[in-house]
């Protein structure tokens, strides 16, 4: 039995929340690197929770826990292996330079409910600075947030980081889209008979709605593209003149949205004049 299992064995019958997982992770890091003081930095979302410590030679190590916690939620019994693997991959240097960080900023489609819930969590945690996110509206229920896509997690870009990044708020969206555009060669389109799924990496699939004109010719549809963004990892499309496919797409969007841990919207949309507009067939 590992040190983690001995300390937290009583909790294994019920998966831990992210705060408890962070404490477990910190304990494992402390055991692996004796003589270091491991600290936890809480955040409004699991992806933003971070542990950091300083090695005896002065090297600073920072690690976000979003991916580790997500893996734990999928397989709680594998917690020792999950923590061990993520500690093996712990960054071993200082924070990346501003140019590198700018190159990792991407747009992420989220819900307005997510933002409201996150701000309430900040209140509950007693965090006074509520400016933890930069967002832009998409629809009544959707928005875009900006994240720094790091090796081990997504980190939301906060207004207070813009100066260090050498950015203005107005420059964020063009920069994020340019960075997303670099991933277009890896984009795949699956499907046939007028019904398609646009596939990326499982994190930013829905974000490719912003580049619809750049993959439009890869789908053979009847009419203008009608899209569904039922989850972060789903971007579905059919043609506006294909009534059977529109009905099927609407049903599929509702099912996926209800079942996904990263659900977004059950509505159908068209991309018109640079805006996401609800499609009413």
C-alpha atoms as a PDB file:
ATOM      1  CA  UNK A   1       0.000   0.000   0.000  1.00  0.00           C
ATOM      2  CA  UNK A   2       1.408   3.389  -1.044  1.00  0.00           C
ATOM      3  CA  UNK A   3       1.659   6.433   1.197  1.00  0.00           C
ATOM      4  CA  UNK A   4      -1.327   7.900  -0.630  1.00  0.00           C
ATOM      5  CA  UNK A   5      -3.424   4.776  -0.115  1.00  0.00           C
ATOM      6  CA  UNK A   6      -2.610   4.659   3.591  1.00  0.00           C
ATOM      7  CA  UNK A   7      -3.585   8.277   4.150  1.00  0.00           C
ATOM      8  CA  UNK A   8      -6.744   8.316   2.059  1.00  0.00           C
ATOM      9  CA  UNK A   9      -7.940   4.700   2.034  1.00  0.00           C
ATOM     10  CA  UNK A  10     -11.136   5.647   3.866  1.00  0.00           C
ATOM     11  CA  UNK A  11     -12.104   8.008   1.046  1.00  0.00           C
ATOM     12  CA  UNK A  12     -11.840   5.547  -1.811  1.00  0.00           C
ATOM     13  CA  UNK A  13     -15.453   4.363  -1.621  1.00  0.00           C
ATOM     14  CA  UNK A  14     -16.500   7.794  -2.850  1.00  0.00           C
ATOM     15  CA  UNK A  15     -14.508   9.865  -5.371  1.00  0.00           C
ATOM     16  CA  UNK A  16     -12.851  12.927  -3.883  1.00  0.00           C
ATOM     17  CA  UNK A  17     -13.633  16.461  -4.909  1.00  0.00           C
ATOM     18  CA  UNK A  18     -10.852  18.473  -6.519  1.00  0.00           C
ATOM     19  CA  UNK A  19      -9.761  20.094  -3.244  1.00  0.00           C
ATOM     20  CA  UNK A  20      -9.212  16.714  -1.587  1.00  0.00           C
ATOM     21  CA  UNK A  21      -7.504  15.401  -4.713  1.00  0.00           C
ATOM     22  CA  UNK A  22      -5.143  18.377  -4.669  1.00  0.00           C
ATOM     23  CA  UNK A  23      -4.192  17.624  -1.058  1.00  0.00           C
ATOM     24  CA  UNK A  24      -3.529  14.004  -1.991  1.00  0.00           C
ATOM     25  CA  UNK A  25      -1.444  15.099  -4.937  1.00  0.00           C
ATOM     26  CA  UNK A  26       0.548  17.493  -2.782  1.00  0.00           C
ATOM     27  CA  UNK A  27       1.212  14.708  -0.257  1.00  0.00           C
ATOM     28  CA  UNK A  28       2.497  12.447  -3.015  1.00  0.00           C
ATOM     29  CA  UNK A  29       4.732  15.223  -4.358  1.00  0.00           C
ATOM     30  CA  UNK A  30       6.075  15.883  -0.871  1.00  0.00           C
ATOM     31  CA  UNK A  31       6.878  12.178  -0.452  1.00  0.00           C
ATOM     32  CA  UNK A  32       8.634  12.034  -3.823  1.00  0.00           C
ATOM     33  CA  UNK A  33      10.661  15.184  -3.276  1.00  0.00           C
ATOM     34  CA  UNK A  34      11.626  15.250   0.437  1.00  0.00           C
ATOM     35  CA  UNK A  35      12.712  18.595   1.753  1.00  0.00           C
ATOM     36  CA  UNK A  36      10.443  20.601  -0.538  1.00  0.00           C
ATOM     37  CA  UNK A  37       7.415  22.567   0.590  1.00  0.00           C
ATOM     38  CA  UNK A  38       4.509  21.790  -1.728  1.00  0.00           C
ATOM     39  CA  UNK A  39       1.775  24.406  -1.892  1.00  0.00           C
ATOM     40  CA  UNK A  40      -1.691  24.316  -3.429  1.00  0.00           C
ATOM     41  CA  UNK A  41      -3.220  27.215  -5.324  1.00  0.00           C
ATOM     42  CA  UNK A  42      -7.002  26.824  -5.504  1.00  0.00           C
ATOM     43  CA  UNK A  43      -9.072  28.145  -8.394  1.00  0.00           C
ATOM     44  CA  UNK A  44     -12.679  28.477  -9.521  1.00  0.00           C
ATOM     45  CA  UNK A  45     -12.422  25.389 -11.722  1.00  0.00           C
ATOM     46  CA  UNK A  46     -10.568  22.091 -11.496  1.00  0.00           C
ATOM     47  CA  UNK A  47      -8.460  23.012 -14.527  1.00  0.00           C
ATOM     48  CA  UNK A  48      -7.049  26.015 -12.705  1.00  0.00           C
ATOM     49  CA  UNK A  49      -6.007  24.258  -9.486  1.00  0.00           C
ATOM     50  CA  UNK A  50      -2.225  24.218  -9.256  1.00  0.00           C
ATOM     51  CA  UNK A  51       0.473  22.731  -7.040  1.00  0.00           C
ATOM     52  CA  UNK A  52       3.913  24.245  -6.919  1.00  0.00           C
ATOM     53  CA  UNK A  53       7.139  23.683  -5.074  1.00  0.00           C
ATOM     54  CA  UNK A  54      10.795  24.719  -5.132  1.00  0.00           C
ATOM     55  CA  UNK A  55      13.490  22.084  -5.488  1.00  0.00           C
ATOM     56  CA  UNK A  56      16.572  22.248  -3.233  1.00  0.00           C
ATOM     57  CA  UNK A  57      18.586  23.728  -6.115  1.00  0.00           C
ATOM     58  CA  UNK A  58      16.054  26.563  -6.430  1.00  0.00           C
ATOM     59  CA  UNK A  59      14.213  25.235  -9.497  1.00  0.00           C
ATOM     60  CA  UNK A  60      10.516  26.100  -9.391  1.00  0.00           C
ATOM     61  CA  UNK A  61       8.005  23.443 -10.407  1.00  0.00           C
ATOM     62  CA  UNK A  62       4.409  24.342 -11.286  1.00  0.00           C
ATOM     63  CA  UNK A  63       1.769  21.797 -12.210  1.00  0.00           C
ATOM     64  CA  UNK A  64      -1.915  22.226 -13.016  1.00  0.00           C
ATOM     65  CA  UNK A  65      -4.158  19.373 -11.896  1.00  0.00           C
ATOM     66  CA  UNK A  66      -7.017  19.571 -14.385  1.00  0.00           C
ATOM     67  CA  UNK A  67      -6.003  16.594 -16.522  1.00  0.00           C
ATOM     68  CA  UNK A  68      -4.924  14.499 -13.530  1.00  0.00           C
ATOM     69  CA  UNK A  69      -8.232  15.077 -11.763  1.00  0.00           C
ATOM     70  CA  UNK A  70     -10.211  14.284 -14.916  1.00  0.00           C
ATOM     71  CA  UNK A  71      -8.311  10.992 -15.253  1.00  0.00           C
ATOM     72  CA  UNK A  72      -9.016  10.224 -11.587  1.00  0.00           C
ATOM     73  CA  UNK A  73     -12.748  10.862 -12.054  1.00  0.00           C
ATOM     74  CA  UNK A  74     -12.805   8.334 -14.890  1.00  0.00           C
ATOM     75  CA  UNK A  75     -10.904   5.686 -12.899  1.00  0.00           C
ATOM     76  CA  UNK A  76     -10.752   6.405  -9.136  1.00  0.00           C
ATOM     77  CA  UNK A  77      -9.176   3.013  -8.405  1.00  0.00           C
ATOM     78  CA  UNK A  78      -6.138   3.985 -10.497  1.00  0.00           C
ATOM     79  CA  UNK A  79      -5.326   7.044  -8.441  1.00  0.00           C
ATOM     80  CA  UNK A  80      -1.789   5.970  -7.496  1.00  0.00           C
ATOM     81  CA  UNK A  81      -0.836   5.357 -11.122  1.00  0.00           C
ATOM     82  CA  UNK A  82      -2.492   8.594 -12.246  1.00  0.00           C
ATOM     83  CA  UNK A  83      -0.693  10.727  -9.676  1.00  0.00           C
ATOM     84  CA  UNK A  84       2.591   8.936 -10.335  1.00  0.00           C
ATOM     85  CA  UNK A  85       2.364   9.477 -14.082  1.00  0.00           C
ATOM     86  CA  UNK A  86       1.567  13.157 -13.723  1.00  0.00           C
ATOM     87  CA  UNK A  87       4.391  13.660 -11.244  1.00  0.00           C
ATOM     88  CA  UNK A  88       6.710  11.994 -13.748  1.00  0.00           C
ATOM     89  CA  UNK A  89       5.647  14.630 -16.261  1.00  0.00           C
ATOM     90  CA  UNK A  90       5.914  17.581 -13.866  1.00  0.00           C
ATOM     91  CA  UNK A  91       7.419  20.669 -15.502  1.00  0.00           C
ATOM     92  CA  UNK A  92      10.957  21.285 -14.353  1.00  0.00           C
ATOM     93  CA  UNK A  93      11.554  24.871 -15.272  1.00  0.00           C
ATOM     94  CA  UNK A  94      10.317  28.417 -14.979  1.00  0.00           C
ATOM     95  CA  UNK A  95       7.145  29.660 -16.660  1.00  0.00           C
ATOM     96  CA  UNK A  96       7.380  29.920 -20.425  1.00  0.00           C
ATOM     97  CA  UNK A  97       8.339  33.245 -21.954  1.00  0.00           C
ATOM     98  CA  UNK A  98       5.514  35.587 -23.090  1.00  0.00           C
ATOM     99  CA  UNK A  99       5.916  34.757 -26.795  1.00  0.00           C
ATOM    100  CA  UNK A 100       5.553  31.031 -26.124  1.00  0.00           C
ATOM    101  CA  UNK A 101       2.550  31.645 -23.892  1.00  0.00           C
ATOM    102  CA  UNK A 102       0.854  33.810 -26.538  1.00  0.00           C
ATOM    103  CA  UNK A 103       1.288  30.985 -29.028  1.00  0.00           C
ATOM    104  CA  UNK A 104      -0.687  28.656 -26.748  1.00  0.00           C
ATOM    105  CA  UNK A 105      -3.781  30.855 -26.292  1.00  0.00           C
ATOM    106  CA  UNK A 106      -6.938  29.338 -27.788  1.00  0.00           C
ATOM    107  CA  UNK A 107     -10.697  30.091 -27.780  1.00  0.00           C
ATOM    108  CA  UNK A 108     -12.873  27.710 -25.761  1.00  0.00           C
ATOM    109  CA  UNK A 109     -16.671  27.583 -26.089  1.00  0.00           C
ATOM    110  CA  UNK A 110     -18.364  27.598 -22.675  1.00  0.00           C
ATOM    111  CA  UNK A 111     -21.835  28.253 -21.276  1.00  0.00           C
ATOM    112  CA  UNK A 112     -23.066  31.341 -19.479  1.00  0.00           C
ATOM    113  CA  UNK A 113     -24.109  28.959 -16.693  1.00  0.00           C
ATOM    114  CA  UNK A 114     -20.476  27.849 -16.339  1.00  0.00           C
ATOM    115  CA  UNK A 115     -19.393  31.456 -15.851  1.00  0.00           C
ATOM    116  CA  UNK A 116     -22.127  32.121 -13.292  1.00  0.00           C
ATOM    117  CA  UNK A 117     -21.256  28.950 -11.372  1.00  0.00           C
ATOM    118  CA  UNK A 118     -17.535  29.721 -11.438  1.00  0.00           C
ATOM    119  CA  UNK A 119     -18.075  33.198 -10.029  1.00  0.00           C
ATOM    120  CA  UNK A 120     -20.250  31.746  -7.258  1.00  0.00           C
ATOM    121  CA  UNK A 121     -17.465  29.288  -6.455  1.00  0.00           C
ATOM    122  CA  UNK A 122     -15.039  32.185  -6.132  1.00  0.00           C
ATOM    123  CA  UNK A 123     -17.431  33.833  -3.694  1.00  0.00           C
ATOM    124  CA  UNK A 124     -17.781  30.632  -1.691  1.00  0.00           C
ATOM    125  CA  UNK A 125     -13.988  30.255  -1.566  1.00  0.00           C
ATOM    126  CA  UNK A 126     -13.633  33.792  -0.216  1.00  0.00           C
ATOM    127  CA  UNK A 127     -11.673  34.973  -3.249  1.00  0.00           C
ATOM    128  CA  UNK A 128     -12.174  38.704  -3.550  1.00  0.00           C
ATOM    129  CA  UNK A 129     -10.775  39.204  -7.056  1.00  0.00           C
ATOM    130  CA  UNK A 130     -13.556  37.976  -9.327  1.00  0.00           C
ATOM    131  CA  UNK A 131     -11.787  38.920 -12.575  1.00  0.00           C
ATOM    132  CA  UNK A 132     -10.579  35.376 -13.196  1.00  0.00           C
ATOM    133  CA  UNK A 133     -11.773  35.071 -16.800  1.00  0.00           C
ATOM    134  CA  UNK A 134     -11.919  37.008 -20.034  1.00  0.00           C
ATOM    135  CA  UNK A 135     -15.025  36.112 -22.032  1.00  0.00           C
ATOM    136  CA  UNK A 136     -16.970  37.290 -25.059  1.00  0.00           C
ATOM    137  CA  UNK A 137     -20.662  36.500 -25.702  1.00  0.00           C
ATOM    138  CA  UNK A 138     -21.734  34.132 -28.481  1.00  0.00           C
ATOM    139  CA  UNK A 139     -25.446  33.527 -27.844  1.00  0.00           C
ATOM    140  CA  UNK A 140     -27.832  33.857 -24.917  1.00  0.00           C
ATOM    141  CA  UNK A 141     -26.423  30.616 -23.471  1.00  0.00           C
ATOM    142  CA  UNK A 142     -22.918  30.387 -24.924  1.00  0.00           C
ATOM    143  CA  UNK A 143     -19.746  32.431 -24.663  1.00  0.00           C
ATOM    144  CA  UNK A 144     -16.086  32.102 -25.566  1.00  0.00           C
ATOM    145  CA  UNK A 145     -13.377  32.044 -22.910  1.00  0.00           C
ATOM    146  CA  UNK A 146      -9.661  32.291 -23.596  1.00  0.00           C
ATOM    147  CA  UNK A 147      -7.329  29.630 -22.306  1.00  0.00           C
ATOM    148  CA  UNK A 148      -3.620  28.976 -22.313  1.00  0.00           C
ATOM    149  CA  UNK A 149      -3.244  25.421 -23.582  1.00  0.00           C
ATOM    150  CA  UNK A 150      -0.464  23.984 -21.423  1.00  0.00           C
ATOM    151  CA  UNK A 151       1.008  20.503 -21.515  1.00  0.00           C
ATOM    152  CA  UNK A 152      -0.890  19.355 -18.436  1.00  0.00           C
ATOM    153  CA  UNK A 153      -3.999  21.567 -18.326  1.00  0.00           C
ATOM    154  CA  UNK A 154      -5.938  24.504 -19.667  1.00  0.00           C
ATOM    155  CA  UNK A 155      -5.361  27.727 -17.754  1.00  0.00           C
ATOM    156  CA  UNK A 156      -7.904  30.507 -18.167  1.00  0.00           C
ATOM    157  CA  UNK A 157      -6.437  33.845 -19.205  1.00  0.00           C
ATOM    158  CA  UNK A 158      -7.285  36.494 -16.616  1.00  0.00           C
ATOM    159  CA  UNK A 159      -7.329  40.257 -17.207  1.00  0.00           C
ATOM    160  CA  UNK A 160      -4.416  40.695 -14.810  1.00  0.00           C
ATOM    161  CA  UNK A 161      -2.192  38.557 -17.059  1.00  0.00           C
ATOM    162  CA  UNK A 162      -2.579  40.614 -20.218  1.00  0.00           C
ATOM    163  CA  UNK A 163       0.264  43.009 -19.473  1.00  0.00           C
ATOM    164  CA  UNK A 164       2.705  40.184 -18.744  1.00  0.00           C
ATOM    165  CA  UNK A 165       1.622  38.490 -21.965  1.00  0.00           C
ATOM    166  CA  UNK A 166       2.127  41.668 -23.961  1.00  0.00           C
ATOM    167  CA  UNK A 167      -1.508  41.676 -25.089  1.00  0.00           C
ATOM    168  CA  UNK A 168      -4.569  43.875 -25.126  1.00  0.00           C
ATOM    169  CA  UNK A 169      -8.063  42.509 -24.651  1.00  0.00           C
ATOM    170  CA  UNK A 170      -8.931  43.427 -28.245  1.00  0.00           C
ATOM    171  CA  UNK A 171      -6.016  41.362 -29.544  1.00  0.00           C
ATOM    172  CA  UNK A 172      -7.067  38.158 -27.785  1.00  0.00           C
ATOM    173  CA  UNK A 173      -9.635  36.832 -30.255  1.00  0.00           C
ATOM    174  CA  UNK A 174      -7.554  37.413 -33.421  1.00  0.00           C
ATOM    175  CA  UNK A 175      -4.556  35.814 -31.705  1.00  0.00           C
ATOM    176  CA  UNK A 176      -6.581  32.845 -30.431  1.00  0.00           C
ATOM    177  CA  UNK A 177      -8.056  32.226 -33.894  1.00  0.00           C
ATOM    178  CA  UNK A 178      -4.628  32.381 -35.529  1.00  0.00           C
ATOM    179  CA  UNK A 179      -3.386  29.794 -33.030  1.00  0.00           C
ATOM    180  CA  UNK A 180      -6.450  27.610 -33.634  1.00  0.00           C
ATOM    181  CA  UNK A 181      -5.951  27.917 -37.389  1.00  0.00           C
ATOM    182  CA  UNK A 182      -2.569  26.211 -37.044  1.00  0.00           C
ATOM    183  CA  UNK A 183      -4.466  23.079 -35.997  1.00  0.00           C
ATOM    184  CA  UNK A 184      -6.564  22.955 -39.187  1.00  0.00           C
ATOM    185  CA  UNK A 185      -4.277  20.405 -40.909  1.00  0.00           C
ATOM    186  CA  UNK A 186      -5.070  17.896 -38.133  1.00  0.00           C
ATOM    187  CA  UNK A 187      -8.833  18.483 -38.382  1.00  0.00           C
ATOM    188  CA  UNK A 188     -10.802  15.498 -39.653  1.00  0.00           C
ATOM    189  CA  UNK A 189     -14.344  15.270 -41.013  1.00  0.00           C
ATOM    190  CA  UNK A 190     -16.330  12.070 -40.490  1.00  0.00           C
ATOM    191  CA  UNK A 191     -19.701  11.070 -41.913  1.00  0.00           C
ATOM    192  CA  UNK A 192     -21.621  10.774 -45.139  1.00  0.00           C
ATOM    193  CA  UNK A 193     -24.992  11.429 -46.780  1.00  0.00           C
ATOM    194  CA  UNK A 194     -25.109  15.028 -45.616  1.00  0.00           C
ATOM    195  CA  UNK A 195     -24.394  14.385 -41.926  1.00  0.00           C
ATOM    196  CA  UNK A 196     -20.914  15.070 -40.556  1.00  0.00           C
ATOM    197  CA  UNK A 197     -18.837  15.424 -37.441  1.00  0.00           C
ATOM    198  CA  UNK A 198     -15.878  17.800 -37.438  1.00  0.00           C
ATOM    199  CA  UNK A 199     -13.184  16.290 -35.203  1.00  0.00           C
ATOM    200  CA  UNK A 200     -10.202  17.909 -33.518  1.00  0.00           C
ATOM    201  CA  UNK A 201      -8.447  16.916 -30.287  1.00  0.00           C
ATOM    202  CA  UNK A 202     -11.439  16.424 -27.984  1.00  0.00           C
ATOM    203  CA  UNK A 203     -10.917  19.773 -26.265  1.00  0.00           C
ATOM    204  CA  UNK A 204     -11.407  22.427 -28.938  1.00  0.00           C
ATOM    205  CA  UNK A 205     -13.683  20.670 -31.439  1.00  0.00           C
ATOM    206  CA  UNK A 206     -16.584  23.076 -30.860  1.00  0.00           C
ATOM    207  CA  UNK A 207     -14.205  26.030 -31.197  1.00  0.00           C
ATOM    208  CA  UNK A 208     -13.742  25.269 -34.883  1.00  0.00           C
ATOM    209  CA  UNK A 209     -17.132  26.850 -35.505  1.00  0.00           C
ATOM    210  CA  UNK A 210     -15.151  30.109 -35.656  1.00  0.00           C
ATOM    211  CA  UNK A 211     -13.294  28.770 -38.697  1.00  0.00           C
ATOM    212  CA  UNK A 212     -16.354  27.329 -40.443  1.00  0.00           C
ATOM    213  CA  UNK A 213     -15.539  28.980 -43.757  1.00  0.00           C
ATOM    214  CA  UNK A 214     -12.153  27.276 -43.755  1.00  0.00           C
ATOM    215  CA  UNK A 215     -13.517  23.717 -43.529  1.00  0.00           C
ATOM    216  CA  UNK A 216     -16.862  24.307 -45.271  1.00  0.00           C
ATOM    217  CA  UNK A 217     -15.763  22.725 -48.568  1.00  0.00           C
ATOM    218  CA  UNK A 218     -14.971  19.453 -46.821  1.00  0.00           C
ATOM    219  CA  UNK A 219     -18.644  18.662 -46.145  1.00  0.00           C
ATOM    220  CA  UNK A 220     -21.084  17.791 -48.940  1.00  0.00           C
ATOM    221  CA  UNK A 221     -24.363  19.278 -47.725  1.00  0.00           C
ATOM    222  CA  UNK A 222     -27.583  20.640 -49.195  1.00  0.00           C
ATOM    223  CA  UNK A 223     -27.863  24.326 -48.340  1.00  0.00           C
ATOM    224  CA  UNK A 224     -26.026  26.393 -45.776  1.00  0.00           C
ATOM    225  CA  UNK A 225     -24.208  24.700 -42.875  1.00  0.00           C
ATOM    226  CA  UNK A 226     -26.392  24.062 -39.842  1.00  0.00           C
ATOM    227  CA  UNK A 227     -24.246  23.180 -36.844  1.00  0.00           C
ATOM    228  CA  UNK A 228     -24.712  21.733 -33.390  1.00  0.00           C
ATOM    229  CA  UNK A 229     -22.351  22.368 -30.468  1.00  0.00           C
ATOM    230  CA  UNK A 230     -23.764  19.918 -27.933  1.00  0.00           C
ATOM    231  CA  UNK A 231     -20.457  19.470 -26.107  1.00  0.00           C
ATOM    232  CA  UNK A 232     -16.905  20.764 -26.018  1.00  0.00           C
ATOM    233  CA  UNK A 233     -15.729  17.780 -28.060  1.00  0.00           C
ATOM    234  CA  UNK A 234     -18.539  17.830 -30.636  1.00  0.00           C
ATOM    235  CA  UNK A 235     -19.121  19.901 -33.754  1.00  0.00           C
ATOM    236  CA  UNK A 236     -21.859  18.394 -35.926  1.00  0.00           C
ATOM    237  CA  UNK A 237     -23.065  19.745 -39.261  1.00  0.00           C
ATOM    238  CA  UNK A 238     -25.693  19.171 -41.944  1.00  0.00           C
ATOM    239  CA  UNK A 239     -27.374  21.279 -44.645  1.00  0.00           C
ATOM    240  CA  UNK A 240     -30.211  23.736 -44.070  1.00  0.00           C
ATOM    241  CA  UNK A 241     -32.229  22.263 -46.987  1.00  0.00           C
ATOM    242  CA  UNK A 242     -31.938  18.677 -45.751  1.00  0.00           C
ATOM    243  CA  UNK A 243     -34.943  18.467 -43.421  1.00  0.00           C
ATOM    244  CA  UNK A 244     -34.360  14.827 -42.415  1.00  0.00           C
ATOM    245  CA  UNK A 245     -30.786  15.534 -41.409  1.00  0.00           C
ATOM    246  CA  UNK A 246     -31.800  18.692 -39.538  1.00  0.00           C
ATOM    247  CA  UNK A 247     -34.283  16.682 -37.465  1.00  0.00           C
ATOM    248  CA  UNK A 248     -31.703  13.972 -36.823  1.00  0.00           C
ATOM    249  CA  UNK A 249     -29.114  16.579 -35.858  1.00  0.00           C
ATOM    250  CA  UNK A 250     -31.502  18.227 -33.417  1.00  0.00           C
ATOM    251  CA  UNK A 251     -32.244  14.892 -31.720  1.00  0.00           C
ATOM    252  CA  UNK A 252     -28.566  13.962 -31.545  1.00  0.00           C
ATOM    253  CA  UNK A 253     -27.589  17.353 -30.115  1.00  0.00           C
ATOM    254  CA  UNK A 254     -30.150  17.009 -27.326  1.00  0.00           C
ATOM    255  CA  UNK A 255     -28.919  13.521 -26.410  1.00  0.00           C
ATOM    256  CA  UNK A 256     -25.234  14.431 -26.404  1.00  0.00           C
ATOM    257  CA  UNK A 257     -25.777  17.654 -24.479  1.00  0.00           C
ATOM    258  CA  UNK A 258     -27.723  15.813 -21.769  1.00  0.00           C
ATOM    259  CA  UNK A 259     -25.094  13.091 -21.371  1.00  0.00           C
ATOM    260  CA  UNK A 260     -21.793  14.955 -21.718  1.00  0.00           C
ATOM    261  CA  UNK A 261     -19.740  16.194 -18.780  1.00  0.00           C
ATOM    262  CA  UNK A 262     -18.853  19.157 -21.001  1.00  0.00           C
ATOM    263  CA  UNK A 263     -22.326  19.863 -22.390  1.00  0.00           C
ATOM    264  CA  UNK A 264     -22.894  23.139 -24.206  1.00  0.00           C
ATOM    265  CA  UNK A 265     -26.195  23.527 -26.093  1.00  0.00           C
ATOM    266  CA  UNK A 266     -29.011  21.451 -27.589  1.00  0.00           C
ATOM    267  CA  UNK A 267     -29.847  24.197 -30.105  1.00  0.00           C
ATOM    268  CA  UNK A 268     -28.882  24.310 -33.769  1.00  0.00           C
ATOM    269  CA  UNK A 269     -27.026  27.290 -35.218  1.00  0.00           C
ATOM    270  CA  UNK A 270     -25.816  28.900 -38.394  1.00  0.00           C
ATOM    271  CA  UNK A 271     -22.716  31.067 -38.678  1.00  0.00           C
ATOM    272  CA  UNK A 272     -23.852  34.347 -40.234  1.00  0.00           C
ATOM    273  CA  UNK A 273     -21.957  37.615 -40.630  1.00  0.00           C
ATOM    274  CA  UNK A 274     -19.401  36.571 -38.040  1.00  0.00           C
ATOM    275  CA  UNK A 275     -22.019  35.609 -35.464  1.00  0.00           C
ATOM    276  CA  UNK A 276     -23.528  32.406 -34.129  1.00  0.00           C
ATOM    277  CA  UNK A 277     -27.280  32.603 -34.795  1.00  0.00           C
ATOM    278  CA  UNK A 278     -29.951  30.167 -33.609  1.00  0.00           C
ATOM    279  CA  UNK A 279     -31.374  28.173 -36.534  1.00  0.00           C
ATOM    280  CA  UNK A 280     -35.141  27.743 -36.561  1.00  0.00           C
ATOM    281  CA  UNK A 281     -36.229  25.287 -39.242  1.00  0.00           C
END
